[in-house]
PDB file of all heavy atoms in Angstrom:
ATOM      1  N   GLY A   1      66.446 -23.556 -15.539  1.00  0.00           N
ATOM      2  CA  GLY A   1      67.356 -24.723 -15.335  1.00  0.00           C
ATOM      3  C   GLY A   1      68.318 -24.667 -16.552  1.00  0.00           C
ATOM      4  O   GLY A   1      68.028 -24.253 -17.668  1.00  0.00           O
ATOM      5  N   ILE A   2      69.433 -25.294 -16.198  1.00  0.00           N
ATOM      6  CA  ILE A   2      70.490 -25.541 -17.227  1.00  0.00           C
ATOM      7  C   ILE A   2      70.800 -27.056 -17.174  1.00  0.00           C
ATOM      8  O   ILE A   2      71.141 -27.650 -16.188  1.00  0.00           O
ATOM      9  CB  ILE A   2      71.845 -24.784 -16.918  1.00  0.00           C
ATOM     10  CG1 ILE A   2      71.594 -23.284 -17.025  1.00  0.00           C
ATOM     11  CG2 ILE A   2      72.957 -25.185 -17.899  1.00  0.00           C
ATOM     12  CD1 ILE A   2      72.864 -22.475 -16.687  1.00  0.00           C
ATOM     13  N   LYS A   3      70.633 -27.702 -18.379  1.00  0.00           N
ATOM     14  CA  LYS A   3      70.918 -29.106 -18.467  1.00  0.00           C
ATOM     15  C   LYS A   3      72.230 -29.350 -18.969  1.00  0.00           C
ATOM     16  O   LYS A   3      72.707 -28.810 -19.974  1.00  0.00           O
ATOM     17  CB  LYS A   3      69.914 -29.693 -19.433  1.00  0.00           C
ATOM     18  CG  LYS A   3      69.863 -31.220 -19.542  1.00  0.00           C
ATOM     19  CD  LYS A   3      68.792 -31.750 -20.424  1.00  0.00           C
ATOM     20  CE  LYS A   3      68.680 -33.281 -20.338  1.00  0.00           C
ATOM     21  NZ  LYS A   3      69.843 -34.050 -20.613  1.00  0.00           N
ATOM     22  N   SER A   4      72.950 -30.237 -18.224  1.00  0.00           N
ATOM     23  CA  SER A   4      74.256 -30.678 -18.644  1.00  0.00           C
ATOM     24  C   SER A   4      74.387 -32.151 -18.318  1.00  0.00           C
ATOM     25  O   SER A   4      74.432 -32.545 -17.198  1.00  0.00           O
ATOM     26  CB  SER A   4      75.372 -29.908 -17.872  1.00  0.00           C
ATOM     27  OG  SER A   4      76.608 -30.355 -18.228  1.00  0.00           O
ATOM     28  N   GLY A   5      74.473 -32.932 -19.347  1.00  0.00           N
ATOM     29  CA  GLY A   5      74.468 -34.406 -19.094  1.00  0.00           C
ATOM     30  C   GLY A   5      73.181 -34.920 -18.579  1.00  0.00           C
ATOM     31  O   GLY A   5      72.147 -34.635 -19.051  1.00  0.00           O
ATOM     32  N   LYS A   6      73.234 -35.602 -17.443  1.00  0.00           N
ATOM     33  CA  LYS A   6      72.034 -36.217 -16.754  1.00  0.00           C
ATOM     34  C   LYS A   6      71.542 -35.261 -15.670  1.00  0.00           C
ATOM     35  O   LYS A   6      70.808 -35.714 -14.838  1.00  0.00           O
ATOM     36  CB  LYS A   6      72.291 -37.557 -16.331  1.00  0.00           C
ATOM     37  CG  LYS A   6      72.474 -38.581 -17.537  1.00  0.00           C
ATOM     38  CD  LYS A   6      72.594 -39.974 -16.949  1.00  0.00           C
ATOM     39  CE  LYS A   6      72.883 -40.981 -18.096  1.00  0.00           C
ATOM     40  NZ  LYS A   6      73.089 -42.395 -17.570  1.00  0.00           N
ATOM     41  N   VAL A   7      72.109 -34.026 -15.505  1.00  0.00           N
ATOM     42  CA  VAL A   7      71.810 -33.160 -14.385  1.00  0.00           C
ATOM     43  C   VAL A   7      71.177 -31.899 -14.944  1.00  0.00           C
ATOM     44  O   VAL A   7      71.624 -31.314 -15.851  1.00  0.00           O
ATOM     45  CB  VAL A   7      72.985 -32.897 -13.555  1.00  0.00           C
ATOM     46  CG1 VAL A   7      72.577 -31.963 -12.351  1.00  0.00           C
ATOM     47  CG2 VAL A   7      73.650 -34.189 -12.988  1.00  0.00           C
ATOM     48  N   VAL A   8      70.113 -31.437 -14.321  1.00  0.00           N
ATOM     49  CA  VAL A   8      69.517 -30.079 -14.512  1.00  0.00           C
ATOM     50  C   VAL A   8      69.640 -29.332 -13.311  1.00  0.00           C
ATOM     51  O   VAL A   8      69.178 -29.756 -12.219  1.00  0.00           O
ATOM     52  CB  VAL A   8      68.022 -30.170 -15.017  1.00  0.00           C
ATOM     53  CG1 VAL A   8      67.563 -28.812 -15.224  1.00  0.00           C
ATOM     54  CG2 VAL A   8      67.859 -31.033 -16.255  1.00  0.00           C
ATOM     55  N   THR A   9      70.405 -28.136 -13.310  1.00  0.00           N
ATOM     56  CA  THR A   9      70.582 -27.258 -12.221  1.00  0.00           C
ATOM     57  C   THR A   9      69.700 -26.014 -12.442  1.00  0.00           C
ATOM     58  O   THR A   9      69.695 -25.460 -13.426  1.00  0.00           O
ATOM     59  CB  THR A   9      72.037 -26.976 -12.082  1.00  0.00           C
ATOM     60  OG1 THR A   9      72.774 -28.133 -11.981  1.00  0.00           O
ATOM     61  CG2 THR A   9      72.280 -26.194 -10.689  1.00  0.00           C
ATOM     62  N   TYR A  10      69.013 -25.661 -11.261  1.00  0.00           N
ATOM     63  CA  TYR A  10      68.124 -24.553 -11.407  1.00  0.00           C
ATOM     64  C   TYR A  10      68.753 -23.379 -10.601  1.00  0.00           C
ATOM     65  O   TYR A  10      69.147 -23.522  -9.385  1.00  0.00           O
ATOM     66  CB  TYR A  10      66.750 -24.853 -10.841  1.00  0.00           C
ATOM     67  CG  TYR A  10      65.986 -25.767 -11.755  1.00  0.00           C
ATOM     68  CD1 TYR A  10      66.112 -27.252 -11.543  1.00  0.00           C
ATOM     69  CD2 TYR A  10      65.238 -25.386 -12.785  1.00  0.00           C
ATOM     70  CE1 TYR A  10      65.514 -28.173 -12.420  1.00  0.00           C
ATOM     71  CE2 TYR A  10      64.571 -26.255 -13.722  1.00  0.00           C
ATOM     72  CZ  TYR A  10      64.717 -27.624 -13.521  1.00  0.00           C
ATOM     73  OH  TYR A  10      64.141 -28.505 -14.394  1.00  0.00           O
ATOM     74  N   TYR A  11      68.555 -22.130 -11.171  1.00  0.00           N
ATOM     75  CA  TYR A  11      69.038 -20.933 -10.688  1.00  0.00           C
ATOM     76  C   TYR A  11      67.915 -19.889 -10.471  1.00  0.00           C
ATOM     77  O   TYR A  11      67.146 -19.761 -11.409  1.00  0.00           O
ATOM     78  CB  TYR A  11      70.133 -20.358 -11.444  1.00  0.00           C
ATOM     79  CG  TYR A  11      71.286 -21.296 -11.686  1.00  0.00           C
ATOM     80  CD1 TYR A  11      71.287 -22.158 -12.730  1.00  0.00           C
ATOM     81  CD2 TYR A  11      72.406 -21.236 -10.859  1.00  0.00           C
ATOM     82  CE1 TYR A  11      72.375 -23.075 -12.869  1.00  0.00           C
ATOM     83  CE2 TYR A  11      73.536 -22.069 -11.052  1.00  0.00           C
ATOM     84  CZ  TYR A  11      73.506 -22.968 -12.099  1.00  0.00           C
ATOM     85  OH  TYR A  11      74.510 -23.873 -12.319  1.00  0.00           O
ATOM     86  N   ASP A  12      67.784 -19.334  -9.266  1.00  0.00           N
ATOM     87  CA  ASP A  12      66.771 -18.413  -8.992  1.00  0.00           C
ATOM     88  C   ASP A  12      66.773 -17.178 -10.165  1.00  0.00           C
ATOM     89  O   ASP A  12      67.900 -16.543 -10.167  1.00  0.00           O
ATOM     90  CB  ASP A  12      66.839 -17.861  -7.615  1.00  0.00           C
ATOM     91  CG  ASP A  12      65.637 -17.051  -7.129  1.00  0.00           C
ATOM     92  OD1 ASP A  12      65.406 -15.942  -7.828  1.00  0.00           O
ATOM     93  OD2 ASP A  12      64.948 -17.479  -6.199  1.00  0.00           O
ATOM     94  N   LEU A  13      65.672 -16.942 -10.733  1.00  0.00           N
ATOM     95  CA  LEU A  13      65.589 -15.899 -11.714  1.00  0.00           C
ATOM     96  C   LEU A  13      65.911 -14.526 -11.227  1.00  0.00           C
ATOM     97  O   LEU A  13      66.362 -13.745 -11.871  1.00  0.00           O
ATOM     98  CB  LEU A  13      64.257 -15.912 -12.498  1.00  0.00           C
ATOM     99  CG  LEU A  13      64.114 -16.854 -13.635  1.00  0.00           C
ATOM    100  CD1 LEU A  13      62.692 -16.912 -14.096  1.00  0.00           C
ATOM    101  CD2 LEU A  13      65.073 -16.480 -14.750  1.00  0.00           C
ATOM    102  N   GLU A  14      65.463 -14.393  -9.900  1.00  0.00           N
ATOM    103  CA  GLU A  14      65.646 -13.050  -9.263  1.00  0.00           C
ATOM    104  C   GLU A  14      67.050 -12.763  -8.563  1.00  0.00           C
ATOM    105  O   GLU A  14      67.704 -11.867  -8.894  1.00  0.00           O
ATOM    106  CB  GLU A  14      64.568 -12.864  -8.233  1.00  0.00           C
ATOM    107  CG  GLU A  14      64.662 -11.521  -7.516  1.00  0.00           C
ATOM    108  CD  GLU A  14      63.535 -11.389  -6.441  1.00  0.00           C
ATOM    109  OE1 GLU A  14      62.587 -12.144  -6.441  1.00  0.00           O
ATOM    110  OE2 GLU A  14      63.679 -10.477  -5.655  1.00  0.00           O
ATOM    111  N   THR A  15      67.516 -13.747  -7.892  1.00  0.00           N
ATOM    112  CA  THR A  15      68.721 -13.679  -7.157  1.00  0.00           C
ATOM    113  C   THR A  15      70.059 -14.261  -7.849  1.00  0.00           C
ATOM    114  O   THR A  15      71.195 -13.795  -7.614  1.00  0.00           O
ATOM    115  CB  THR A  15      68.721 -14.316  -5.780  1.00  0.00           C
ATOM    116  OG1 THR A  15      68.610 -15.768  -5.883  1.00  0.00           O
ATOM    117  CG2 THR A  15      67.484 -13.851  -4.947  1.00  0.00           C
ATOM    118  N   GLY A  16      69.685 -15.062  -8.806  1.00  0.00           N
ATOM    119  CA  GLY A  16      70.855 -15.795  -9.484  1.00  0.00           C
ATOM    120  C   GLY A  16      71.348 -17.004  -8.731  1.00  0.00           C
ATOM    121  O   GLY A  16      72.171 -17.810  -9.358  1.00  0.00           O
ATOM    122  N   LEU A  17      70.981 -17.216  -7.498  1.00  0.00           N
ATOM    123  CA  LEU A  17      71.586 -18.256  -6.688  1.00  0.00           C
ATOM    124  C   LEU A  17      71.180 -19.782  -7.148  1.00  0.00           C
ATOM    125  O   LEU A  17      69.999 -19.839  -7.602  1.00  0.00           O
ATOM    126  CB  LEU A  17      71.211 -18.133  -5.233  1.00  0.00           C
ATOM    127  CG  LEU A  17      71.826 -16.816  -4.552  1.00  0.00           C
ATOM    128  CD1 LEU A  17      71.243 -16.755  -3.178  1.00  0.00           C
ATOM    129  CD2 LEU A  17      73.411 -16.908  -4.453  1.00  0.00           C
ATOM    130  N   LYS A  18      72.001 -20.674  -7.079  1.00  0.00           N
ATOM    131  CA  LYS A  18      71.631 -21.976  -7.345  1.00  0.00           C
ATOM    132  C   LYS A  18      70.699 -22.561  -6.224  1.00  0.00           C
ATOM    133  O   LYS A  18      70.984 -22.486  -5.134  1.00  0.00           O
ATOM    134  CB  LYS A  18      72.897 -22.929  -7.450  1.00  0.00           C
ATOM    135  CG  LYS A  18      72.638 -24.308  -7.705  1.00  0.00           C
ATOM    136  CD  LYS A  18      73.842 -25.120  -8.126  1.00  0.00           C
ATOM    137  CE  LYS A  18      75.009 -24.987  -7.211  1.00  0.00           C
ATOM    138  NZ  LYS A  18      76.239 -25.621  -7.696  1.00  0.00           N
ATOM    139  N   VAL A  19      69.582 -23.021  -6.628  1.00  0.00           N
ATOM    140  CA  VAL A  19      68.540 -23.403  -5.672  1.00  0.00           C
ATOM    141  C   VAL A  19      68.136 -24.856  -5.739  1.00  0.00           C
ATOM    142  O   VAL A  19      67.523 -25.409  -4.793  1.00  0.00           O
ATOM    143  CB  VAL A  19      67.274 -22.570  -5.879  1.00  0.00           C
ATOM    144  CG1 VAL A  19      67.433 -21.118  -5.396  1.00  0.00           C
ATOM    145  CG2 VAL A  19      66.648 -22.579  -7.300  1.00  0.00           C
ATOM    146  N   SER A  20      68.382 -25.548  -6.920  1.00  0.00           N
ATOM    147  CA  SER A  20      68.082 -26.916  -7.019  1.00  0.00           C
ATOM    148  C   SER A  20      68.901 -27.685  -8.038  1.00  0.00           C
ATOM    149  O   SER A  20      69.279 -27.069  -8.949  1.00  0.00           O
ATOM    150  CB  SER A  20      66.564 -27.021  -7.238  1.00  0.00           C
ATOM    151  OG  SER A  20      66.083 -28.396  -7.442  1.00  0.00           O
ATOM    152  N   SER A  21      68.995 -28.996  -7.863  1.00  0.00           N
ATOM    153  CA  SER A  21      69.659 -29.834  -8.880  1.00  0.00           C
ATOM    154  C   SER A  21      68.727 -31.092  -8.993  1.00  0.00           C
ATOM    155  O   SER A  21      68.221 -31.621  -7.983  1.00  0.00           O
ATOM    156  CB  SER A  21      70.976 -30.293  -8.500  1.00  0.00           C
ATOM    157  OG  SER A  21      71.915 -29.164  -8.601  1.00  0.00           O
ATOM    158  N   VAL A  22      68.506 -31.541 -10.261  1.00  0.00           N
ATOM    159  CA  VAL A  22      67.768 -32.815 -10.445  1.00  0.00           C
ATOM    160  C   VAL A  22      68.661 -33.738 -11.283  1.00  0.00           C
ATOM    161  O   VAL A  22      69.080 -33.448 -12.416  1.00  0.00           O
ATOM    162  CB  VAL A  22      66.449 -32.559 -11.259  1.00  0.00           C
ATOM    163  CG1 VAL A  22      65.670 -33.845 -11.529  1.00  0.00           C
ATOM    164  CG2 VAL A  22      65.620 -31.478 -10.583  1.00  0.00           C
ATOM    165  N   ALA A  23      69.120 -34.825 -10.637  1.00  0.00           N
ATOM    166  CA  ALA A  23      70.006 -35.759 -11.333  1.00  0.00           C
ATOM    167  C   ALA A  23      69.208 -36.993 -11.659  1.00  0.00           C
ATOM    168  O   ALA A  23      68.461 -37.563 -10.862  1.00  0.00           O
ATOM    169  CB  ALA A  23      71.233 -36.171 -10.398  1.00  0.00           C
ATOM    170  N   THR A  24      69.232 -37.406 -12.959  1.00  0.00           N
ATOM    171  CA  THR A  24      68.597 -38.548 -13.376  1.00  0.00           C
ATOM    172  C   THR A  24      69.484 -39.813 -13.352  1.00  0.00           C
ATOM    173  O   THR A  24      70.588 -39.752 -13.883  1.00  0.00           O
ATOM    174  CB  THR A  24      68.047 -38.425 -14.860  1.00  0.00           C
ATOM    175  OG1 THR A  24      67.276 -37.302 -14.939  1.00  0.00           O
ATOM    176  CG2 THR A  24      67.304 -39.647 -15.373  1.00  0.00           C
ATOM    177  N   GLN A  25      69.015 -40.771 -12.652  1.00  0.00           N
ATOM    178  CA  GLN A  25      69.840 -42.028 -12.462  1.00  0.00           C
ATOM    179  C   GLN A  25      69.051 -43.250 -12.741  1.00  0.00           C
ATOM    180  O   GLN A  25      67.865 -43.298 -12.459  1.00  0.00           O
ATOM    181  CB  GLN A  25      70.252 -42.099 -11.021  1.00  0.00           C
ATOM    182  CG  GLN A  25      71.073 -43.316 -10.626  1.00  0.00           C
ATOM    183  CD  GLN A  25      71.478 -43.407  -9.117  1.00  0.00           C
ATOM    184  OE1 GLN A  25      71.590 -42.312  -8.506  1.00  0.00           O
ATOM    185  NE2 GLN A  25      71.681 -44.513  -8.634  1.00  0.00           N
ATOM    186  N   GLU A  26      69.711 -44.187 -13.520  1.00  0.00           N
ATOM    187  CA  GLU A  26      69.027 -45.475 -13.849  1.00  0.00           C
ATOM    188  C   GLU A  26      69.482 -46.526 -12.896  1.00  0.00           C
ATOM    189  O   GLU A  26      70.581 -46.715 -12.694  1.00  0.00           O
ATOM    190  CB  GLU A  26      69.283 -45.919 -15.310  1.00  0.00           C
ATOM    191  CG  GLU A  26      68.621 -44.955 -16.397  1.00  0.00           C
ATOM    192  CD  GLU A  26      68.905 -45.401 -17.790  1.00  0.00           C
ATOM    193  OE1 GLU A  26      69.298 -46.550 -17.960  1.00  0.00           O
ATOM    194  OE2 GLU A  26      68.717 -44.564 -18.684  1.00  0.00           O
ATOM    195  N   GLN A  27      68.493 -47.182 -12.344  1.00  0.00           N
ATOM    196  CA  GLN A  27      68.835 -48.249 -11.362  1.00  0.00           C
ATOM    197  C   GLN A  27      67.784 -49.416 -11.408  1.00  0.00           C
ATOM    198  O   GLN A  27      66.601 -49.114 -11.394  1.00  0.00           O
ATOM    199  CB  GLN A  27      68.939 -47.682  -9.930  1.00  0.00           C
ATOM    200  CG  GLN A  27      69.463 -48.574  -8.895  1.00  0.00           C
ATOM    201  CD  GLN A  27      69.645 -47.917  -7.599  1.00  0.00           C
ATOM    202  OE1 GLN A  27      68.803 -47.112  -7.155  1.00  0.00           O
ATOM    203  NE2 GLN A  27      70.669 -48.194  -6.900  1.00  0.00           N
ATOM    204  N   GLY A  28      68.246 -50.642 -11.661  1.00  0.00           N
ATOM    205  CA  GLY A  28      67.356 -51.730 -11.756  1.00  0.00           C
ATOM    206  C   GLY A  28      66.380 -51.734 -12.815  1.00  0.00           C
ATOM    207  O   GLY A  28      65.251 -52.163 -12.824  1.00  0.00           O
ATOM    208  N   GLY A  29      66.749 -50.955 -13.965  1.00  0.00           N
ATOM    209  CA  GLY A  29      65.784 -50.825 -15.052  1.00  0.00           C
ATOM    210  C   GLY A  29      64.869 -49.771 -14.963  1.00  0.00           C
ATOM    211  O   GLY A  29      63.965 -49.514 -15.910  1.00  0.00           O
ATOM    212  N   GLN A  30      64.886 -49.058 -13.810  1.00  0.00           N
ATOM    213  CA  GLN A  30      63.974 -47.931 -13.645  1.00  0.00           C
ATOM    214  C   GLN A  30      64.727 -46.543 -13.524  1.00  0.00           C
ATOM    215  O   GLN A  30      65.886 -46.468 -13.175  1.00  0.00           O
ATOM    216  CB  GLN A  30      63.201 -48.097 -12.389  1.00  0.00           C
ATOM    217  CG  GLN A  30      62.283 -49.289 -12.409  1.00  0.00           C
ATOM    218  CD  GLN A  30      61.325 -49.346 -11.233  1.00  0.00           C
ATOM    219  OE1 GLN A  30      61.395 -48.425 -10.296  1.00  0.00           O
ATOM    220  NE2 GLN A  30      60.421 -50.282 -11.196  1.00  0.00           N
ATOM    221  N   VAL A  31      64.074 -45.512 -13.990  1.00  0.00           N
ATOM    222  CA  VAL A  31      64.616 -44.216 -13.952  1.00  0.00           C
ATOM    223  C   VAL A  31      64.336 -43.534 -12.725  1.00  0.00           C
ATOM    224  O   VAL A  31      63.058 -43.497 -12.279  1.00  0.00           O
ATOM    225  CB  VAL A  31      64.143 -43.435 -15.113  1.00  0.00           C
ATOM    226  CG1 VAL A  31      64.692 -41.942 -15.036  1.00  0.00           C
ATOM    227  CG2 VAL A  31      64.557 -44.062 -16.492  1.00  0.00           C
ATOM    228  N   MET A  32      65.254 -42.958 -11.946  1.00  0.00           N
ATOM    229  CA  MET A  32      65.028 -42.337 -10.735  1.00  0.00           C
ATOM    230  C   MET A  32      65.539 -40.834 -10.718  1.00  0.00           C
ATOM    231  O   MET A  32      66.643 -40.669 -11.164  1.00  0.00           O
ATOM    232  CB  MET A  32      65.769 -43.113  -9.650  1.00  0.00           C
ATOM    233  CG  MET A  32      65.759 -42.541  -8.260  1.00  0.00           C
ATOM    234  SD  MET A  32      66.651 -43.564  -7.110  1.00  0.00           S
ATOM    235  CE  MET A  32      66.624 -42.570  -5.583  1.00  0.00           C
ATOM    236  N   ASN A  33      64.707 -39.959 -10.322  1.00  0.00           N
ATOM    237  CA  ASN A  33      65.162 -38.577 -10.159  1.00  0.00           C
ATOM    238  C   ASN A  33      65.559 -38.228  -8.777  1.00  0.00           C
ATOM    239  O   ASN A  33      64.814 -38.415  -7.808  1.00  0.00           O
ATOM    240  CB  ASN A  33      64.145 -37.640 -10.577  1.00  0.00           C
ATOM    241  CG  ASN A  33      63.860 -37.601 -12.164  1.00  0.00           C
ATOM    242  OD1 ASN A  33      64.845 -37.849 -12.877  1.00  0.00           O
ATOM    243  ND2 ASN A  33      62.663 -37.213 -12.602  1.00  0.00           N
ATOM    244  N   ILE A  34      66.860 -37.739  -8.542  1.00  0.00           N
ATOM    245  CA  ILE A  34      67.284 -37.327  -7.274  1.00  0.00           C
ATOM    246  C   ILE A  34      67.415 -35.803  -7.257  1.00  0.00           C
ATOM    247  O   ILE A  34      68.079 -35.131  -7.948  1.00  0.00           O
ATOM    248  CB  ILE A  34      68.669 -37.932  -7.091  1.00  0.00           C
ATOM    249  CG1 ILE A  34      68.736 -39.346  -7.156  1.00  0.00           C
ATOM    250  CG2 ILE A  34      69.239 -37.345  -5.662  1.00  0.00           C
ATOM    251  CD1 ILE A  34      70.004 -40.051  -7.139  1.00  0.00           C
ATOM    252  N   VAL A  35      66.414 -35.308  -6.426  1.00  0.00           N
ATOM    253  CA  VAL A  35      66.254 -33.748  -6.282  1.00  0.00           C
ATOM    254  C   VAL A  35      66.961 -33.281  -5.111  1.00  0.00           C
ATOM    255  O   VAL A  35      66.770 -33.779  -3.969  1.00  0.00           O
ATOM    256  CB  VAL A  35      64.811 -33.412  -6.337  1.00  0.00           C
ATOM    257  CG1 VAL A  35      64.556 -31.893  -6.192  1.00  0.00           C
ATOM    258  CG2 VAL A  35      64.092 -33.958  -7.652  1.00  0.00           C
ATOM    259  N   THR A  36      67.661 -32.239  -5.217  1.00  0.00           N
ATOM    260  CA  THR A  36      68.401 -31.600  -4.120  1.00  0.00           C
ATOM    261  C   THR A  36      68.056 -30.032  -4.186  1.00  0.00           C
ATOM    262  O   THR A  36      68.264 -29.461  -5.222  1.00  0.00           O
ATOM    263  CB  THR A  36      69.835 -31.794  -4.189  1.00  0.00           C
ATOM    264  OG1 THR A  36      70.181 -33.188  -4.239  1.00  0.00           O
ATOM    265  CG2 THR A  36      70.588 -31.207  -2.887  1.00  0.00           C
ATOM    266  N   THR A  37      67.684 -29.572  -3.131  1.00  0.00           N
ATOM    267  CA  THR A  37      67.484 -28.095  -2.987  1.00  0.00           C
ATOM    268  C   THR A  37      68.522 -27.473  -2.107  1.00  0.00           C
ATOM    269  O   THR A  37      69.066 -28.089  -1.185  1.00  0.00           O
ATOM    270  CB  THR A  37      66.117 -27.660  -2.358  1.00  0.00           C
ATOM    271  OG1 THR A  37      66.014 -28.321  -1.150  1.00  0.00           O
ATOM    272  CG2 THR A  37      64.924 -28.167  -3.274  1.00  0.00           C
ATOM    273  N   TYR A  38      69.077 -26.239  -2.452  1.00  0.00           N
ATOM    274  CA  TYR A  38      70.129 -25.639  -1.740  1.00  0.00           C
ATOM    275  C   TYR A  38      69.512 -24.410  -1.091  1.00  0.00           C
ATOM    276  O   TYR A  38      68.923 -23.535  -1.720  1.00  0.00           O
ATOM    277  CB  TYR A  38      71.180 -25.248  -2.697  1.00  0.00           C
ATOM    278  CG  TYR A  38      71.760 -26.380  -3.595  1.00  0.00           C
ATOM    279  CD1 TYR A  38      71.181 -26.626  -4.814  1.00  0.00           C
ATOM    280  CD2 TYR A  38      72.738 -27.199  -3.031  1.00  0.00           C
ATOM    281  CE1 TYR A  38      71.735 -27.682  -5.597  1.00  0.00           C
ATOM    282  CE2 TYR A  38      73.290 -28.226  -3.851  1.00  0.00           C
ATOM    283  CZ  TYR A  38      72.739 -28.517  -5.070  1.00  0.00           C
ATOM    284  OH  TYR A  38      73.171 -29.508  -5.791  1.00  0.00           O
ATOM    285  N   GLU A  39      69.906 -24.337   0.125  1.00  0.00           N
ATOM    286  CA  GLU A  39      69.344 -23.221   1.029  1.00  0.00           C
ATOM    287  C   GLU A  39      70.393 -22.559   1.950  1.00  0.00           C
ATOM    288  O   GLU A  39      71.511 -23.163   2.060  1.00  0.00           O
ATOM    289  CB  GLU A  39      68.139 -23.746   1.854  1.00  0.00           C
ATOM    290  CG  GLU A  39      67.083 -24.422   1.076  1.00  0.00           C
ATOM    291  CD  GLU A  39      66.026 -25.170   1.971  1.00  0.00           C
ATOM    292  OE1 GLU A  39      65.901 -24.790   3.099  1.00  0.00           O
ATOM    293  OE2 GLU A  39      65.427 -26.059   1.446  1.00  0.00           O
ATOM    294  N   ASP A  40      70.035 -21.573   2.844  1.00  0.00           N
ATOM    295  CA  ASP A  40      70.783 -21.023   3.750  1.00  0.00           C
ATOM    296  C   ASP A  40      72.212 -20.735   3.371  1.00  0.00           C
ATOM    297  O   ASP A  40      73.229 -21.134   3.841  1.00  0.00           O
ATOM    298  CB  ASP A  40      70.909 -22.035   5.008  1.00  0.00           C
ATOM    299  CG  ASP A  40      71.431 -21.426   6.232  1.00  0.00           C
ATOM    300  OD1 ASP A  40      71.337 -20.169   6.435  1.00  0.00           O
ATOM    301  OD2 ASP A  40      71.957 -22.188   7.145  1.00  0.00           O
ATOM    302  N   TYR A  41      72.270 -19.703   2.418  1.00  0.00           N
ATOM    303  CA  TYR A  41      73.593 -19.155   1.841  1.00  0.00           C
ATOM    304  C   TYR A  41      74.234 -18.365   2.939  1.00  0.00           C
ATOM    305  O   TYR A  41      73.653 -17.422   3.547  1.00  0.00           O
ATOM    306  CB  TYR A  41      73.375 -18.493   0.650  1.00  0.00           C
ATOM    307  CG  TYR A  41      73.402 -19.345  -0.657  1.00  0.00           C
ATOM    308  CD1 TYR A  41      72.174 -20.019  -1.070  1.00  0.00           C
ATOM    309  CD2 TYR A  41      74.457 -19.581  -1.433  1.00  0.00           C
ATOM    310  CE1 TYR A  41      72.080 -20.814  -2.116  1.00  0.00           C
ATOM    311  CE2 TYR A  41      74.484 -20.354  -2.560  1.00  0.00           C
ATOM    312  CZ  TYR A  41      73.294 -21.028  -2.923  1.00  0.00           C
ATOM    313  OH  TYR A  41      73.212 -21.775  -4.054  1.00  0.00           O
ATOM    314  N   LYS A  42      75.468 -18.639   3.115  1.00  0.00           N
ATOM    315  CA  LYS A  42      76.297 -17.878   4.073  1.00  0.00           C
ATOM    316  C   LYS A  42      77.693 -17.522   3.336  1.00  0.00           C
ATOM    317  O   LYS A  42      78.157 -18.237   2.573  1.00  0.00           O
ATOM    318  CB  LYS A  42      76.542 -18.669   5.393  1.00  0.00           C
ATOM    319  CG  LYS A  42      75.326 -18.894   6.208  1.00  0.00           C
ATOM    320  CD  LYS A  42      75.689 -19.750   7.485  1.00  0.00           C
ATOM    321  CE  LYS A  42      74.380 -20.038   8.223  1.00  0.00           C
ATOM    322  NZ  LYS A  42      74.760 -20.876   9.489  1.00  0.00           N
ATOM    323  N   GLU A  43      78.221 -16.411   3.865  1.00  0.00           N
ATOM    324  CA  GLU A  43      79.469 -15.930   3.211  1.00  0.00           C
ATOM    325  C   GLU A  43      80.682 -16.499   3.958  1.00  0.00           C
ATOM    326  O   GLU A  43      80.876 -16.487   5.087  1.00  0.00           O
ATOM    327  CB  GLU A  43      79.464 -14.407   3.278  1.00  0.00           C
ATOM    328  CG  GLU A  43      80.524 -13.843   2.344  1.00  0.00           C
ATOM    329  CD  GLU A  43      80.476 -12.393   2.207  1.00  0.00           C
ATOM    330  OE1 GLU A  43      79.388 -11.883   1.487  1.00  0.00           O
ATOM    331  OE2 GLU A  43      81.372 -11.656   2.591  1.00  0.00           O
ATOM    332  N   VAL A  44      81.604 -17.100   3.093  1.00  0.00           N
ATOM    333  CA  VAL A  44      82.852 -17.601   3.650  1.00  0.00           C
ATOM    334  C   VAL A  44      84.026 -16.953   2.816  1.00  0.00           C
ATOM    335  O   VAL A  44      84.059 -17.222   1.633  1.00  0.00           O
ATOM    336  CB  VAL A  44      82.910 -19.152   3.469  1.00  0.00           C
ATOM    337  CG1 VAL A  44      84.231 -19.612   4.113  1.00  0.00           C
ATOM    338  CG2 VAL A  44      81.777 -19.812   4.237  1.00  0.00           C
TER     339      VAL A  44
END
C-alpha cells in the first residue's frame, strides 16, 4: 500500500498492477472506509 492523504492504494507485489483503494471518509461523526478493488485489466 501507498498512503497519500486519506487514501491508501494497493499494488500487487508480483504484477505491479493497482488492485485496491481504501478511502477514509468521516460522516455523521463516524469513520467509514470505502474499499474498491480493480479487476479485469484490458489494453486500450
